[in-house]
Every structure is written in structure tokens, then in C-alpha cells.
N, C-alpha and C. Protein backbone atom coordinates (compact mmCIF):
# COMPACT_ATOMS: atom_id res chain seq x y z
N UNK A 1 0.81 -1.21 0.01
CA UNK A 1 -0.02 0.00 0.04
C UNK A 1 0.80 1.27 0.02
N UNK A 2 2.11 1.18 0.65
CA UNK A 2 2.89 2.37 0.69
C UNK A 2 3.48 2.78 -0.67
N UNK A 3 3.57 1.71 -1.54
CA UNK A 3 4.16 1.99 -2.86
C UNK A 3 3.18 2.93 -3.65
N UNK A 4 1.85 2.74 -3.44
CA UNK A 4 0.86 3.59 -4.06
C UNK A 4 1.11 5.02 -3.71
N UNK A 5 1.36 5.20 -2.41
CA UNK A 5 1.49 6.61 -1.93
C UNK A 5 2.84 7.20 -2.44
N UNK A 6 3.84 6.41 -2.56
CA UNK A 6 5.19 6.85 -3.09
C UNK A 6 4.99 7.26 -4.50
N UNK A 7 4.32 6.53 -5.30
CA UNK A 7 4.09 6.75 -6.73
C UNK A 7 3.22 8.07 -6.89
N UNK A 8 2.28 8.25 -6.09
CA UNK A 8 1.38 9.45 -6.09
C UNK A 8 2.16 10.61 -5.67
N UNK A 9 3.09 10.45 -4.68
CA UNK A 9 3.92 11.66 -4.27
C UNK A 9 4.93 12.02 -5.28
N UNK A 10 5.52 11.04 -5.96
CA UNK A 10 6.46 11.38 -7.08
C UNK A 10 5.73 12.09 -8.21
N UNK A 11 4.55 11.55 -8.58
CA UNK A 11 3.72 12.10 -9.69
C UNK A 11 3.35 13.60 -9.30
N UNK A 12 2.94 13.82 -8.02
CA UNK A 12 2.65 15.14 -7.62
C UNK A 12 3.78 16.09 -7.69
N UNK A 13 4.95 15.59 -7.30
CA UNK A 13 6.21 16.35 -7.46
C UNK A 13 6.46 16.69 -8.96
N UNK A 14 6.16 15.78 -9.85
CA UNK A 14 6.29 16.04 -11.31
C UNK A 14 5.34 17.21 -11.70
N UNK A 15 4.20 17.13 -11.25
CA UNK A 15 3.17 18.21 -11.56
C UNK A 15 3.55 19.51 -10.98
N UNK A 16 3.97 19.49 -9.72
CA UNK A 16 4.39 20.81 -9.11
C UNK A 16 5.61 21.40 -9.79
N UNK A 17 6.56 20.59 -10.18
CA UNK A 17 7.77 21.15 -10.93
C UNK A 17 7.36 21.60 -12.21
N UNK A 18 6.47 20.96 -12.93
CA UNK A 18 5.90 21.54 -14.17
C UNK A 18 5.22 22.87 -14.00
N UNK A 19 4.44 23.00 -13.02
CA UNK A 19 3.70 24.25 -12.68
C UNK A 19 4.76 25.37 -12.35
N UNK A 20 5.80 24.96 -11.46
CA UNK A 20 6.78 26.01 -11.10
C UNK A 20 7.60 26.43 -12.39
N UNK A 21 7.82 25.52 -13.31
CA UNK A 21 8.54 25.84 -14.55
C UNK A 21 7.74 26.85 -15.38
N UNK A 22 6.44 26.67 -15.44
CA UNK A 22 5.48 27.53 -16.12
C UNK A 22 5.53 28.86 -15.46
N UNK A 23 5.48 28.92 -14.21
CA UNK A 23 5.40 30.17 -13.41
C UNK A 23 6.69 31.00 -13.60
N UNK A 24 7.89 30.29 -13.58
CA UNK A 24 9.14 30.93 -13.83
C UNK A 24 9.22 31.43 -15.27
N UNK A 25 8.73 30.66 -16.14
CA UNK A 25 8.74 31.05 -17.56
C UNK A 25 8.02 32.42 -17.74
N UNK A 26 6.84 32.51 -17.12
CA UNK A 26 6.03 33.72 -17.29
C UNK A 26 6.63 34.86 -16.48
N UNK A 27 7.05 34.61 -15.26
CA UNK A 27 7.42 35.69 -14.33
C UNK A 27 8.79 36.26 -14.85
N UNK A 28 9.72 35.34 -15.06
CA UNK A 28 11.14 35.81 -15.32
C UNK A 28 11.33 36.27 -16.77
N UNK A 29 10.52 35.84 -17.69
CA UNK A 29 10.70 36.21 -19.10
C UNK A 29 12.02 35.77 -19.66
N UNK A 30 12.56 34.66 -19.23
CA UNK A 30 13.76 34.15 -19.70
C UNK A 30 15.07 34.77 -19.22
N UNK A 31 14.95 35.56 -18.20
CA UNK A 31 16.20 36.26 -17.69
C UNK A 31 16.95 35.46 -16.73
N UNK A 32 16.33 34.40 -16.08
CA UNK A 32 17.05 33.54 -15.15
C UNK A 32 16.93 32.12 -15.62
N UNK A 33 17.63 31.30 -14.89
CA UNK A 33 17.76 29.85 -15.16
C UNK A 33 16.82 29.00 -14.44
N UNK A 34 15.87 29.62 -13.71
CA UNK A 34 14.94 28.91 -12.77
C UNK A 34 13.97 28.01 -13.53
N UNK A 35 13.63 28.40 -14.80
CA UNK A 35 12.70 27.58 -15.61
C UNK A 35 13.43 26.34 -15.97
N UNK A 36 14.76 26.45 -16.59
CA UNK A 36 15.46 25.24 -16.87
C UNK A 36 15.65 24.38 -15.65
N UNK A 37 15.94 24.87 -14.48
CA UNK A 37 16.12 24.08 -13.27
C UNK A 37 14.91 23.22 -12.99
N UNK A 38 13.73 23.97 -12.98
CA UNK A 38 12.48 23.29 -12.69
C UNK A 38 12.13 22.29 -13.72
N UNK A 39 12.32 22.52 -14.86
CA UNK A 39 12.04 21.48 -15.97
C UNK A 39 13.02 20.40 -15.97
N UNK A 40 14.26 20.65 -15.71
CA UNK A 40 15.29 19.57 -15.50
C UNK A 40 14.97 18.63 -14.31
N UNK A 41 14.47 19.25 -13.27
CA UNK A 41 14.04 18.52 -12.07
C UNK A 41 12.84 17.58 -12.42
N UNK A 42 11.98 18.15 -13.17
CA UNK A 42 10.81 17.35 -13.66
C UNK A 42 11.24 16.19 -14.43
N UNK A 43 12.12 16.36 -15.42
CA UNK A 43 12.54 15.32 -16.23
C UNK A 43 13.32 14.23 -15.38
N UNK A 44 14.09 14.66 -14.46
CA UNK A 44 14.72 13.64 -13.54
C UNK A 44 13.73 12.89 -12.72
N UNK A 45 12.65 13.58 -12.26
CA UNK A 45 11.60 12.85 -11.39
C UNK A 45 10.91 11.88 -12.33
N UNK A 46 10.64 12.27 -13.58
CA UNK A 46 9.80 11.37 -14.47
C UNK A 46 10.68 10.19 -14.83
N UNK A 47 11.94 10.34 -15.07
CA UNK A 47 12.87 9.25 -15.41
C UNK A 47 12.97 8.32 -14.13
N UNK A 48 13.05 8.96 -12.99
CA UNK A 48 13.18 8.13 -11.68
C UNK A 48 11.89 7.32 -11.45
N UNK A 49 10.70 7.93 -11.80
CA UNK A 49 9.50 7.15 -11.63
C UNK A 49 9.39 6.07 -12.62
N UNK A 50 9.78 6.29 -13.84
CA UNK A 50 9.76 5.20 -14.88
C UNK A 50 10.58 4.13 -14.38
N UNK A 51 11.79 4.39 -13.95
CA UNK A 51 12.75 3.33 -13.63
C UNK A 51 12.23 2.55 -12.38
N UNK A 52 11.65 3.35 -11.45
CA UNK A 52 11.01 2.73 -10.22
C UNK A 52 9.93 1.74 -10.66
N UNK A 53 9.05 2.18 -11.50
CA UNK A 53 7.97 1.38 -11.99
C UNK A 53 8.45 0.15 -12.65
N UNK A 54 9.48 0.26 -13.51
CA UNK A 54 10.01 -0.93 -14.22
C UNK A 54 10.69 -1.89 -13.26
N UNK A 55 11.40 -1.37 -12.24
CA UNK A 55 12.01 -2.20 -11.23
C UNK A 55 10.93 -2.92 -10.40
N UNK A 56 9.89 -2.26 -10.03
CA UNK A 56 8.82 -2.92 -9.28
C UNK A 56 8.10 -3.96 -10.01
N UNK A 57 7.86 -3.76 -11.29
CA UNK A 57 7.25 -4.81 -12.15
C UNK A 57 8.21 -5.96 -12.39
N UNK A 58 9.51 -5.70 -12.53
CA UNK A 58 10.52 -6.66 -12.73
C UNK A 58 10.57 -7.65 -11.38
N UNK A 59 10.50 -7.02 -10.29
CA UNK A 59 10.59 -7.72 -9.00
C UNK A 59 9.27 -8.37 -8.65
N UNK A 60 8.17 -8.09 -9.39
CA UNK A 60 6.94 -8.71 -9.10
C UNK A 60 6.14 -8.01 -7.96
N UNK A 61 6.57 -6.85 -7.45
CA UNK A 61 5.86 -6.16 -6.41
C UNK A 61 4.52 -5.67 -7.03
N UNK A 62 4.50 -5.14 -8.18
CA UNK A 62 3.27 -4.60 -8.74
C UNK A 62 3.10 -5.42 -10.06
N UNK A 63 1.84 -5.52 -10.47
CA UNK A 63 1.53 -6.29 -11.73
C UNK A 63 0.72 -5.31 -12.67
N UNK A 64 1.26 -5.13 -13.87
CA UNK A 64 0.57 -4.22 -14.79
C UNK A 64 -0.72 -5.00 -15.32
N UNK A 65 -1.68 -4.15 -15.70
CA UNK A 65 -2.89 -4.68 -16.23
C UNK A 65 -3.35 -3.82 -17.33
N UNK A 66 -4.35 -4.32 -18.13
CA UNK A 66 -4.87 -3.48 -19.20
C UNK A 66 -6.06 -2.68 -18.72
N UNK A 67 -6.81 -2.12 -19.61
CA UNK A 67 -8.03 -1.43 -19.23
C UNK A 67 -9.12 -2.22 -18.64
N UNK A 68 -9.18 -3.43 -19.08
CA UNK A 68 -10.15 -4.44 -18.67
C UNK A 68 -9.57 -5.67 -18.16
N UNK A 69 -9.08 -5.64 -17.02
CA UNK A 69 -8.33 -6.79 -16.45
C UNK A 69 -9.22 -8.03 -16.30
N UNK A 70 -10.59 -7.93 -16.20
CA UNK A 70 -11.38 -9.10 -15.97
C UNK A 70 -11.66 -9.84 -17.19
N UNK A 71 -11.49 -9.33 -18.41
CA UNK A 71 -11.77 -9.93 -19.61
C UNK A 71 -10.60 -10.95 -19.89
N UNK A 72 -11.01 -12.06 -20.48
CA UNK A 72 -10.05 -13.07 -20.85
C UNK A 72 -9.75 -12.95 -22.34
N UNK A 73 -8.52 -13.22 -22.77
CA UNK A 73 -8.17 -13.10 -24.19
C UNK A 73 -9.01 -14.01 -25.03
N UNK A 74 -9.29 -13.43 -26.24
CA UNK A 74 -10.06 -14.18 -27.17
C UNK A 74 -9.26 -15.32 -27.77
N UNK A 75 -9.76 -16.50 -27.71
CA UNK A 75 -9.06 -17.65 -28.24
C UNK A 75 -9.28 -17.80 -29.80
N UNK A 76 -8.36 -18.24 -30.47
CA UNK A 76 -8.40 -18.40 -31.88
C UNK A 76 -9.28 -19.69 -32.20
N UNK A 77 -10.22 -19.55 -33.17
CA UNK A 77 -10.96 -20.75 -33.47
C UNK A 77 -10.08 -21.83 -34.10
N UNK A 78 -10.42 -23.06 -33.83
CA UNK A 78 -9.62 -24.21 -34.35
C UNK A 78 -9.99 -24.46 -35.81
N UNK A 79 -9.01 -24.91 -36.52
CA UNK A 79 -9.23 -25.20 -37.95
C UNK A 79 -9.86 -26.65 -38.04
N UNK A 80 -11.05 -26.71 -38.50
CA UNK A 80 -11.81 -27.99 -38.56
C UNK A 80 -11.97 -28.46 -40.01
N UNK A 81 -11.02 -29.07 -40.48
CA UNK A 81 -11.02 -29.50 -41.87
C UNK A 81 -11.29 -30.99 -41.96
């Protein structure tokens, strides 16, 4: 259960970093490097979240599923000649 909260916290950090990058872009009008720092931080958080998810899937801690996990795959009809 704690993994869900960790993923949500990292995703929230990504969104906050994106919002701060937009704020600095509008406020500073390109005179400082705060926009670049905020967006670089967002990229590193996104990459870290991706790697964390891949590691958790590889270790079997979480299991990916599709949009409809209850549905069974459609079987191919047998050739009846």
C-alpha cells in the first residue's frame, strides 16, 4: 500500500515542478535559469518514476494490467477440416 503513496507523491512532485517551470517562464521572461532548473528536475523525477515502476514490475511487487483486467483473451478458432 505504501508503494501507491510513493508513486502518487512522485507524480505530484512532477506536476508541481511543471507548474513552477511555467510560473518561472512567465514571471522571469527568460532572464534567469529557474525555468530550466524546474524542468530539468521534472525530467529527472519522470525518469526516476519510470525506472522505479520498471523495477517494481520486474521484482513482481506490482503487476501491470490493461484497461479491462477481468476480460479473458479471445481464443483463436480451431481449424476444422
